C-alpha atoms as a PDB file:
ATOM      1  CA  MET A   1      10.574 -19.125  27.508  1.00  0.00           C
ATOM      2  CA  THR A   2       8.176 -18.367  30.272  1.00  0.00           C
ATOM      3  CA  GLY A   3       4.679 -17.563  29.054  1.00  0.00           C
ATOM      4  CA  ILE A   4       5.140 -19.243  25.638  1.00  0.00           C
ATOM      5  CA  PRO A   5       3.188 -22.470  24.918  1.00  0.00           C
ATOM      6  CA  PRO A   6       5.344 -25.515  25.801  1.00  0.00           C
ATOM      7  CA  GLU A   7       4.534 -27.165  22.453  1.00  0.00           C
ATOM      8  CA  ARG A   8       6.815 -25.074  20.284  1.00  0.00           C
ATOM      9  CA  VAL A   9       9.635 -25.337  17.786  1.00  0.00           C
ATOM     10  CA  VAL A  10      12.680 -23.057  17.837  1.00  0.00           C
ATOM     11  CA  VAL A  11      14.894 -22.925  14.757  1.00  0.00           C
ATOM     12  CA  ASN A  12      18.434 -21.540  14.721  1.00  0.00           C
ATOM     13  CA  LEU A  13      18.421 -19.733  11.397  1.00  0.00           C
ATOM     14  CA  GLU A  14      22.195 -19.415  11.226  1.00  0.00           C
ATOM     15  CA  HIS A  15      22.486 -23.203  11.090  1.00  0.00           C
ATOM     16  CA  GLU A  16      19.447 -23.646   8.844  1.00  0.00           C
ATOM     17  CA  PHE A  17      20.638 -21.136   6.235  1.00  0.00           C
ATOM     18  CA  ASP A  18      24.201 -22.518   6.322  1.00  0.00           C
ATOM     19  CA  ALA A  19      22.890 -26.064   5.791  1.00  0.00           C
ATOM     20  CA  ARG A  20      20.883 -24.894   2.770  1.00  0.00           C
ATOM     21  CA  LYS A  21      23.860 -22.817   1.492  1.00  0.00           C
ATOM     22  CA  ARG A  22      21.815 -19.619   1.682  1.00  0.00           C
ATOM     23  CA  THR A  23      23.914 -16.499   2.072  1.00  0.00           C
ATOM     24  CA  GLU A  24      21.388 -13.714   2.581  1.00  0.00           C
ATOM     25  CA  LYS A  25      21.094 -11.956   5.940  1.00  0.00           C
ATOM     26  CA  ARG A  26      18.682 -13.584   8.377  1.00  0.00           C
ATOM     27  CA  CYS A  27      17.349 -13.255  11.926  1.00  0.00           C
ATOM     28  CA  ASP A  28      18.809 -15.305  14.749  1.00  0.00           C
ATOM     29  CA  ARG A  29      15.857 -17.547  15.566  1.00  0.00           C
ATOM     30  CA  LEU A  30      12.397 -18.592  14.454  1.00  0.00           C
ATOM     31  CA  LEU A  31       9.754 -19.633  16.934  1.00  0.00           C
ATOM     32  CA  PHE A  32       6.700 -21.627  15.910  1.00  0.00           C
ATOM     33  CA  PHE A  33       3.685 -22.531  18.015  1.00  0.00           C
ATOM     34  CA  ILE A  34      -0.052 -23.020  17.613  1.00  0.00           C
ATOM     35  CA  HIS A  35      -2.136 -20.269  19.146  1.00  0.00           C
ATOM     36  CA  PRO A  36      -3.965 -21.968  22.020  1.00  0.00           C
ATOM     37  CA  THR A  37      -7.436 -20.583  21.235  1.00  0.00           C
ATOM     38  CA  GLU A  38      -7.402 -19.563  17.548  1.00  0.00           C
ATOM     39  CA  ASN A  39      -5.618 -22.671  16.135  1.00  0.00           C
ATOM     40  CA  ASN A  40      -3.391 -20.542  13.882  1.00  0.00           C
ATOM     41  CA  LEU A  41       0.303 -21.211  13.360  1.00  0.00           C
ATOM     42  CA  ILE A  42       2.254 -18.378  14.971  1.00  0.00           C
ATOM     43  CA  ALA A  43       5.601 -17.795  13.227  1.00  0.00           C
ATOM     44  CA  VAL A  44       7.898 -15.415  15.084  1.00  0.00           C
ATOM     45  CA  SER A  45      11.169 -14.165  13.597  1.00  0.00           C
ATOM     46  CA  ILE A  46      13.508 -13.068  16.366  1.00  0.00           C
ATOM     47  CA  GLU A  47      16.506 -10.781  15.832  1.00  0.00           C
ATOM     48  CA  LEU A  48      18.850 -10.402  18.808  1.00  0.00           C
ATOM     49  CA  LYS A  49      21.124  -7.378  18.906  1.00  0.00           C
ATOM     50  CA  ARG A  50      23.195  -6.849  22.035  1.00  0.00           C
ATOM     51  CA  GLY A  51      24.288  -3.358  20.996  1.00  0.00           C
ATOM     52  CA  LYS A  52      22.647  -0.786  18.789  1.00  0.00           C
ATOM     53  CA  ALA A  53      20.456  -2.225  16.026  1.00  0.00           C
ATOM     54  CA  VAL A  54      20.762  -0.636  12.561  1.00  0.00           C
ATOM     55  CA  GLU A  55      17.299  -0.068  11.071  1.00  0.00           C
ATOM     56  CA  SER A  56      18.112  -1.169   7.502  1.00  0.00           C
ATOM     57  CA  ASP A  57      19.932  -4.286   8.704  1.00  0.00           C
ATOM     58  CA  VAL A  58      17.011  -5.331  10.948  1.00  0.00           C
ATOM     59  CA  VAL A  59      14.478  -4.811   8.170  1.00  0.00           C
ATOM     60  CA  GLU A  60      16.524  -6.821   5.647  1.00  0.00           C
ATOM     61  CA  LYS A  61      17.160  -9.713   8.051  1.00  0.00           C
ATOM     62  CA  THR A  62      13.511  -9.802   9.102  1.00  0.00           C
ATOM     63  CA  GLU A  63      12.117  -9.721   5.570  1.00  0.00           C
ATOM     64  CA  ASN A  64      14.453 -12.528   4.468  1.00  0.00           C
ATOM     65  CA  SER A  65      13.457 -14.601   7.505  1.00  0.00           C
ATOM     66  CA  LEU A  66       9.733 -14.103   6.923  1.00  0.00           C
ATOM     67  CA  LYS A  67      10.129 -15.164   3.279  1.00  0.00           C
ATOM     68  CA  PHE A  68      11.934 -18.280   4.484  1.00  0.00           C
ATOM     69  CA  ILE A  69       9.040 -19.089   6.870  1.00  0.00           C
ATOM     70  CA  ALA A  70       6.618 -18.811   3.931  1.00  0.00           C
ATOM     71  CA  GLN A  71       8.741 -21.281   1.938  1.00  0.00           C
ATOM     72  CA  ILE A  72       8.905 -23.938   4.660  1.00  0.00           C
ATOM     73  CA  ALA A  73       5.371 -23.654   6.071  1.00  0.00           C
ATOM     74  CA  PRO A  74       3.153 -26.568   5.027  1.00  0.00           C
ATOM     75  CA  VAL A  75       0.874 -25.626   2.164  1.00  0.00           C
ATOM     76  CA  SER A  76      -2.189 -26.590   4.204  1.00  0.00           C
ATOM     77  CA  MET A  77      -1.171 -24.134   6.947  1.00  0.00           C
ATOM     78  CA  ARG A  78      -0.061 -21.120   4.845  1.00  0.00           C
ATOM     79  CA  ALA A  79      -3.422 -19.393   4.994  1.00  0.00           C
ATOM     80  CA  HIS A  80      -3.393 -19.751   8.779  1.00  0.00           C
ATOM     81  CA  VAL A  81       0.134 -18.456   9.470  1.00  0.00           C
ATOM     82  CA  ILE A  82       0.373 -15.316  11.589  1.00  0.00           C
ATOM     83  CA  TYR A  83       3.757 -13.645  11.122  1.00  0.00           C
ATOM     84  CA  ILE A  84       5.187 -11.739  14.082  1.00  0.00           C
ATOM     85  CA  PRO A  85       8.602 -10.059  13.637  1.00  0.00           C
ATOM     86  CA  VAL A  86      10.451  -9.252  16.855  1.00  0.00           C
ATOM     87  CA  LEU A  87      13.685  -7.370  17.660  1.00  0.00           C
ATOM     88  CA  PHE A  88      15.424  -7.482  21.020  1.00  0.00           C
ATOM     89  CA  GLU A  89      18.081  -4.762  21.242  1.00  0.00           C
ATOM     90  CA  GLY A  90      20.515  -3.677  23.877  1.00  0.00           C
ATOM     91  CA  ARG A  91      21.140  -0.004  23.103  1.00  0.00           C
ATOM     92  CA  GLY A  92      18.354   1.248  20.875  1.00  0.00           C
ATOM     93  CA  VAL A  93      17.986   1.546  17.103  1.00  0.00           C
ATOM     94  CA  LYS A  94      20.186   3.494  14.745  1.00  0.00           C
ATOM     95  CA  TRP A  95      17.652   5.021  12.370  1.00  0.00           C
ATOM     96  CA  THR A  96      18.362   5.468   8.665  1.00  0.00           C
ATOM     97  CA  ASN A  97      16.453   8.758   8.747  1.00  0.00           C
ATOM     98  CA  PRO A  98      16.775  10.123  12.302  1.00  0.00           C
ATOM     99  CA  LYS A  99      14.144  12.832  11.630  1.00  0.00           C
ATOM    100  CA  GLY A 100      11.600  10.439  10.110  1.00  0.00           C
ATOM    101  CA  ILE A 101       9.001   8.202  11.747  1.00  0.00           C
ATOM    102  CA  LYS A 102      10.664   5.864  14.231  1.00  0.00           C
ATOM    103  CA  GLN A 103       8.907   2.607  13.386  1.00  0.00           C
ATOM    104  CA  LEU A 104      10.359  -0.633  12.153  1.00  0.00           C
ATOM    105  CA  LYS A 105       8.117  -2.112   9.468  1.00  0.00           C
ATOM    106  CA  VAL A 106       8.563  -4.953   7.000  1.00  0.00           C
ATOM    107  CA  SER A 107       6.548  -6.309   4.070  1.00  0.00           C
ATOM    108  CA  VAL A 108       5.458  -9.909   3.718  1.00  0.00           C
ATOM    109  CA  HIS A 109       2.857 -11.173   1.227  1.00  0.00           C
ATOM    110  CA  GLY A 110       1.739  -7.623   0.514  1.00  0.00           C
ATOM    111  CA  LYS A 111       1.161  -6.818   4.169  1.00  0.00           C
ATOM    112  CA  ARG A 112       3.078  -4.262   6.226  1.00  0.00           C
ATOM    113  CA  LEU A 113       3.988  -5.582   9.651  1.00  0.00           C
ATOM    114  CA  GLN A 114       5.296  -3.659  12.635  1.00  0.00           C
ATOM    115  CA  ILE A 115       8.430  -5.197  14.154  1.00  0.00           C
ATOM    116  CA  LEU A 116       7.755  -5.588  17.869  1.00  0.00           C
ATOM    117  CA  THR A 117      10.681  -4.498  20.011  1.00  0.00           C
ATOM    118  CA  GLY A 118      11.983  -5.244  23.452  1.00  0.00           C
ATOM    119  CA  ARG A 119      15.176  -4.785  25.427  1.00  0.00           C
ATOM    120  CA  CYS A 120      17.673  -7.640  25.793  1.00  0.00           C
ATOM    121  CA  GLY A 121      18.008  -9.366  29.144  1.00  0.00           C
ATOM    122  CA  ARG A 122      14.647  -8.562  30.728  1.00  0.00           C
ATOM    123  CA  PRO A 123      12.602 -11.313  32.445  1.00  0.00           C
ATOM    124  CA  GLN A 124       9.704 -12.762  30.429  1.00  0.00           C
ATOM    125  CA  ASN A 125      10.722 -10.501  27.560  1.00  0.00           C
ATOM    126  CA  LEU A 126       9.378 -12.650  24.711  1.00  0.00           C
ATOM    127  CA  SER A 127       5.954 -13.316  26.238  1.00  0.00           C
ATOM    128  CA  GLY A 128       5.673  -9.632  27.155  1.00  0.00           C
ATOM    129  CA  VAL A 129       6.331  -8.543  23.593  1.00  0.00           C
ATOM    130  CA  LEU A 130       4.050 -11.190  22.030  1.00  0.00           C
ATOM    131  CA  PHE A 131       1.119 -11.112  24.462  1.00  0.00           C
ATOM    132  CA  GLY A 132       1.633  -7.990  26.467  1.00  0.00           C
END
């Protein structure tokens, strides 16, 4: 994870949801770190899709994962959490409405967030998407 602060926590959501007997769709990983200058908790949901990502599936997984973050974040930090949804795909996105606007957006706490995207397998991919 080149370019990401070394003081970080990575959570495998597959294992976390299974341990809590949660069955809804979820992203692959969560990444938590404190922003080095702003002192906010950065909570990144990361969906990894080797092939073509289906828009509706990505949105559902991301929204469920962001809700999970809100549930586990310490109450004292909730006002200082910055949510960043990320998708890394291998062969593009299969859009629900191919003629519509091609943007992946999710809702969390009444806010609409753009899902940041990158291609799988590129060097410094995560830091490029987050800070680039």
